[in-house]
Structure formats: structure tokens, C-alpha cells
Protein backbone atom coordinates (compact mmCIF):
# COMPACT_ATOMS: atom_id res chain seq x y z
CA MET A 1 -0.88 13.49 -14.62
CA ILE A 2 -3.22 11.05 -12.33
CA HIS A 3 -6.66 12.89 -11.26
CA PRO A 4 -7.44 16.59 -11.75
CA ARG A 5 -5.77 19.01 -9.31
CA PRO A 6 -6.36 19.84 -6.40
CA LEU A 7 -6.92 16.35 -5.29
CA LEU A 8 -8.15 17.11 -2.04
CA GLY A 9 -11.64 18.59 -1.71
CA GLU A 10 -13.03 21.01 1.10
CA PRO A 11 -14.98 20.50 4.34
CA ARG A 12 -18.62 19.97 4.06
CA GLY A 13 -19.19 21.72 7.56
CA THR A 14 -17.64 23.08 10.53
CA ASP A 15 -17.79 20.16 12.71
CA ARG A 16 -14.96 18.05 10.95
CA PRO A 17 -12.24 18.18 8.35
CA TYR A 18 -12.76 16.86 5.00
CA LEU A 19 -11.54 13.08 4.99
CA ALA A 20 -10.42 11.10 2.05
CA ILE A 21 -9.16 7.49 2.27
CA ASN A 22 -6.44 6.19 -0.09
CA MET A 23 -5.59 2.72 -0.68
CA VAL A 24 -4.31 0.42 -3.04
CA ALA A 25 -5.33 -3.52 -3.73
CA THR A 26 -4.61 -6.31 -5.97
CA LEU A 27 -7.19 -6.98 -8.54
CA ASP A 28 -8.39 -9.87 -6.55
CA GLY A 29 -9.03 -7.45 -3.81
CA ARG A 30 -5.97 -7.93 -1.11
CA ALA A 31 -4.85 -4.92 0.15
CA ALA A 32 -2.10 -6.79 1.86
CA LEU A 33 0.83 -8.89 1.16
CA ASP A 34 2.36 -10.54 4.08
CA GLY A 35 0.92 -8.12 6.42
CA SER A 36 2.13 -5.03 4.47
CA ALA A 37 0.93 -3.14 1.41
CA VAL A 38 4.26 -2.43 0.54
CA GLY A 39 5.17 -4.29 -2.92
CA ILE A 40 1.61 -3.84 -4.52
CA GLY A 41 1.43 -0.51 -5.90
CA SER A 42 3.65 1.01 -8.55
CA THR A 43 6.18 4.09 -8.56
CA ALA A 44 3.19 5.84 -10.00
CA ASP A 45 0.91 4.94 -7.12
CA LYS A 46 3.58 5.95 -4.51
CA ARG A 47 3.80 9.23 -6.27
CA LEU A 48 0.26 9.71 -6.04
CA MET A 49 0.58 9.09 -2.14
CA ARG A 50 2.90 11.74 -1.84
CA GLU A 51 0.97 14.13 -3.65
CA LEU A 52 -2.13 13.59 -1.83
CA ARG A 53 0.14 13.80 1.68
CA ALA A 54 1.42 17.14 0.12
CA GLU A 55 -2.11 18.68 -0.03
CA ALA A 56 -3.23 17.15 3.29
CA ASP A 57 -3.20 19.11 7.28
CA VAL A 58 -2.87 15.46 8.58
CA VAL A 59 -2.07 12.06 7.71
CA LEU A 60 -4.03 9.32 9.47
CA HIS A 61 -2.95 5.51 10.05
CA GLY A 62 -4.32 2.95 12.37
CA ALA A 63 -1.83 1.21 14.72
CA GLY A 64 -1.76 -1.92 12.95
CA THR A 65 -0.37 -0.25 9.60
CA VAL A 66 2.41 1.71 11.74
CA ARG A 67 3.31 -1.53 13.36
CA ALA A 68 3.55 -3.37 9.92
CA ASP A 69 5.52 -0.88 8.08
CA PRO A 70 8.36 1.47 8.99
CA LEU A 71 6.49 4.27 7.30
CA SER A 72 6.31 8.10 8.25
CA ALA A 73 3.47 10.79 7.62
CA ARG A 74 6.15 12.96 5.60
CA VAL A 75 6.56 14.13 2.36
CA PRO A 76 9.86 14.36 0.37
CA PRO A 77 11.65 17.60 -0.02
CA ASP A 78 10.72 18.48 -3.43
CA LEU A 79 6.67 18.63 -2.40
CA VAL A 80 7.75 20.92 0.87
CA GLU A 81 7.96 23.79 -1.36
CA GLN A 82 4.27 23.32 -2.78
CA ARG A 83 3.12 22.64 0.84
CA LEU A 84 4.55 26.19 1.82
CA ALA A 85 2.99 27.80 -1.33
CA ARG A 86 -0.48 26.67 -0.36
CA GLY A 87 0.05 28.17 3.12
CA LEU A 88 0.59 24.88 4.74
CA SER A 89 3.21 23.57 7.15
CA ARG A 90 6.43 21.85 6.09
CA GLN A 91 5.17 18.51 6.67
CA PRO A 92 1.63 17.36 7.96
CA LEU A 93 0.85 16.26 11.05
CA GLY A 94 0.96 12.63 11.55
CA ALA A 95 -2.02 10.84 13.49
CA ILE A 96 -2.36 7.35 14.89
CA VAL A 97 -5.41 5.75 16.12
CA THR A 98 -4.95 2.74 18.62
CA ARG A 99 -7.24 0.91 20.94
CA SER A 100 -4.88 -1.41 22.26
CA GLY A 101 -1.68 1.04 23.17
CA ASP A 102 0.39 -1.42 21.03
CA LEU A 103 2.97 0.79 19.46
CA PRO A 104 6.84 0.35 18.84
CA VAL A 105 8.69 2.44 21.00
CA ARG A 106 11.02 3.76 18.21
CA HIS A 107 9.54 4.27 14.86
CA PRO A 108 10.20 6.62 12.01
CA TYR A 109 6.84 7.86 12.42
CA TYR A 110 7.77 9.77 15.37
CA GLU A 111 10.46 11.60 13.37
CA SER A 112 8.22 14.69 13.04
CA SER A 113 5.17 16.06 14.89
CA SER A 114 2.49 13.22 15.51
CA VAL A 115 -0.27 12.56 17.48
CA ILE A 116 -1.54 9.20 19.33
CA TYR A 117 -5.10 8.96 19.93
CA VAL A 118 -5.91 6.26 22.32
CA THR A 119 -9.66 4.93 22.29
CA SER A 120 -9.17 3.13 25.72
CA SER A 121 -7.61 3.27 28.80
CA ALA A 122 -4.52 1.23 27.59
CA THR A 123 -0.96 2.53 28.19
CA VAL A 124 1.28 3.84 25.37
CA ALA A 125 5.10 3.51 25.85
CA VAL A 126 5.62 6.30 23.40
CA GLU A 127 7.30 9.25 25.11
CA LEU A 128 9.02 11.40 22.99
CA PRO A 129 8.90 15.27 22.49
CA THR A 130 7.80 14.99 18.97
CA VAL A 131 4.80 12.87 20.28
CA GLU A 132 1.66 13.83 21.83
CA VAL A 133 -0.75 11.08 23.41
CA CYS A 134 -4.47 12.09 23.44
CA ARG A 135 -7.34 10.00 24.91
CA VAL A 136 -10.60 9.87 22.90
CA SER A 137 -13.72 7.72 22.89
CA THR A 138 -14.25 7.04 19.11
CA VAL A 139 -13.00 7.75 15.85
CA VAL A 140 -15.53 10.78 15.82
CA ASP A 141 -13.58 12.24 18.55
CA VAL A 142 -10.79 12.00 16.59
CA LEU A 143 -11.93 14.22 13.84
CA GLN A 144 -13.49 16.60 16.06
CA ASN A 145 -9.93 17.06 17.78
CA LEU A 146 -8.17 17.47 14.52
CA ALA A 147 -10.89 20.09 13.51
CA ARG A 148 -9.95 21.93 16.83
CA ARG A 149 -6.22 21.70 15.87
CA GLY A 150 -7.09 23.78 12.73
CA ALA A 151 -7.03 20.56 10.25
CA ARG A 152 -9.18 21.20 7.01
CA ARG A 153 -8.22 18.16 5.09
CA VAL A 154 -7.23 14.62 6.22
CA LEU A 155 -5.88 11.87 4.43
CA CYS A 156 -6.30 8.37 5.70
CA GLU A 157 -3.82 5.65 4.54
CA GLY A 158 -5.75 3.10 6.28
CA GLY A 159 -5.56 0.22 7.61
CA PRO A 160 -8.83 -1.73 6.90
CA THR A 161 -9.80 -1.64 10.57
CA LEU A 162 -9.80 1.99 10.86
CA ASN A 163 -11.50 2.50 7.57
CA SER A 164 -14.33 0.58 8.65
CA ALA A 165 -14.63 2.54 11.58
CA LEU A 166 -14.52 5.81 9.70
CA PHE A 167 -16.92 4.78 7.31
CA ALA A 168 -19.18 3.12 9.81
CA ASN A 169 -19.45 6.82 11.22
CA GLY A 170 -20.19 8.59 8.14
CA LEU A 171 -16.83 10.57 8.21
CA VAL A 172 -15.56 9.67 4.70
CA ASP A 173 -15.72 12.12 1.90
CA GLU A 174 -13.81 10.68 -1.01
CA VAL A 175 -11.71 7.45 -1.95
CA PHE A 176 -8.79 7.19 -3.75
CA LEU A 177 -8.35 3.74 -5.06
CA THR A 178 -5.39 2.18 -6.91
CA ILE A 179 -6.09 -1.42 -8.38
CA ALA A 180 -2.75 -3.08 -9.25
CA PRO A 181 -2.85 -5.53 -12.20
CA LYS A 182 -1.53 -8.62 -9.84
CA LEU A 183 -3.41 -11.51 -8.56
CA VAL A 184 -2.04 -12.86 -5.20
CA GLY A 185 -5.02 -15.26 -3.71
CA GLY A 186 -5.12 -16.58 -0.34
CA GLU A 187 -8.09 -18.00 1.85
CA ASP A 188 -8.63 -15.09 4.11
CA PRO A 189 -7.48 -11.91 2.09
CA LEU A 190 -7.45 -8.51 3.58
CA THR A 191 -9.38 -6.12 1.81
CA ILE A 192 -9.66 -2.27 2.10
CA ILE A 193 -12.39 -2.75 4.78
CA LYS A 194 -12.17 -4.84 7.79
CA GLY A 195 -14.66 -5.03 10.43
CA PRO A 196 -18.15 -5.46 11.23
CA ARG A 197 -20.82 -5.35 8.56
CA LEU A 198 -21.31 -1.46 8.05
CA PRO A 199 -24.72 -0.15 9.37
CA SER A 200 -25.82 0.71 5.57
CA THR A 201 -24.53 0.33 2.09
CA ILE A 202 -22.00 2.91 1.45
CA HIS A 203 -22.82 4.29 -1.94
CA LEU A 204 -19.83 5.60 -4.38
CA GLU A 205 -19.97 7.96 -7.46
CA LEU A 206 -16.88 7.65 -9.72
CA ARG A 207 -15.23 11.00 -10.18
CA SER A 208 -11.94 10.28 -11.92
CA LEU A 209 -10.46 6.93 -13.67
CA VAL A 210 -7.01 6.85 -15.10
CA GLU A 211 -5.13 4.06 -16.79
CA LEU A 212 -1.32 3.80 -16.63
CA GLU A 213 0.60 0.60 -17.91
CA GLY A 214 -2.66 -1.49 -16.49
CA GLU A 215 -2.97 0.12 -13.23
CA LEU A 216 -5.94 1.48 -12.61
CA PHE A 217 -6.48 4.66 -10.16
CA LEU A 218 -10.14 5.46 -9.35
CA ARG A 219 -11.50 8.54 -7.27
CA TYR A 220 -14.99 8.32 -5.72
CA ALA A 221 -17.08 10.61 -3.73
CA VAL A 222 -19.23 9.11 -0.85
CA THR A 223 -22.83 9.94 -1.64
CA PRO A 224 -25.97 10.08 -0.16
CA SER A 225 -27.79 6.52 -0.31
CA PRO A 226 -30.84 6.42 -2.73
CA SER A 227 -32.97 5.50 0.03
CA GLY A 228 -32.05 8.78 1.57
CA ARG A 229 -30.92 7.52 4.55
CA GLY A 230 -27.69 9.38 4.35
CA ARG A 231 -24.14 8.74 4.21
CA GLY A 232 -22.97 5.52 5.96
């Protein structure tokens, strides 16, 4: 078993849901190969991703991740029963954050209920009965809107630009990080956070560490900084 259960925690207050980030990276820090995370993690990592989703009310993605991969926010049939036993819906709500509005018109993501949060006045060409377009100003508004929808636990699977905005606004409670025993290199590797330097250093507390066939599965809690300035 990778990490103690339950995997996802409880909200710390009433203003927003609990939020965990789940990412995979190579030993040299690359979070993408040829623009996608596909091929970095093992079968065990993919199973952990699905089990995290199975506990989440919402699975959150940045538009770049959706453009890069034919992914969805769904869980497989064997985990649907676990969700129902917890009193959750059959599938998590999928949520996409975009500034540019640049999203494919057709995508596996839209096969179940999803919300596209647009942080600008850009046009979104997606018009499907399963998809709602919601205008917001910031990622803070995204989390507050999800709270109003009844979400208690949100799982973010990237990408790095969305991760950066979430950390910068103090919205992250935990980080699940898989380190694959692989080296890729590259002159400008994409790491799990991409964007301006964070306003303050993010301090993490290791909660769990599991090794399987050389692959490391880490779980960190975001903690107050020693300076007392609070979470980043």
C-alpha cells in the first residue's frame, strides 16, 4: 500500500476545500517528456493517481495539461463503488482553469460533468451539455466557487503553471510527489512548478515515504514557515 489511508485530508476552514497536488517527476526534476507526463511514472504511480481521484470531489487541471494529454477526470469502474460507499458521486467533477480559452472543442475530458474556469474575457469554443463555462478572476475564486458547489476535497494534477498559482495564493494543503528512477536532461526542463518566483519560501513536512522498485512516493504537508509569515 502506498501511503496511509485515507489519502486526502479535511478542509481547514469553511472558505475553501482541502486541496492536494499530485505530480510525478524524474530524478532530475522533469515533470514532462515531450510536453506530457505520460511515460514518467510506473503502473503503481498510475494506480495511486486513480486512488487519489477516488477520494476527491473535484479533479483540477490546467488547460495546458488538457491540451497535451487525452486525459479525463474519471476513475475506473472498480473505484466507483468505493466512491459511492463514501457518499460521493460516481465520478469526480472535472475542472479546468484557463486564461487563454485555448481548449480543444472535443476531448475525452468532456465525457462527464466538468467546469471550465476562465480567468479572462477570452472566448471558449467548447459548447457541450456536460460542460459549464464559469468566469472568474483568480484561482482563489475557483476554489471558492468549488466550495459553493459543495466540494470538500480537490485534487490538482497540474500542470506546473496552475501549481505555481495555487502555491502563490496559499491554496495548497498537501503535495503527493512520485519520483521516478529516470534521468532525462534537457536545457530547459519543465519542473512541477513554473512561473514567477513564489512570494515566500514554501515549507513542507514529510508525512509519508514509500519505495517500490526504486520509485519513491512522497507525501508532504504544507506547513507554516519558521518566520511565522504563514503559508505561501
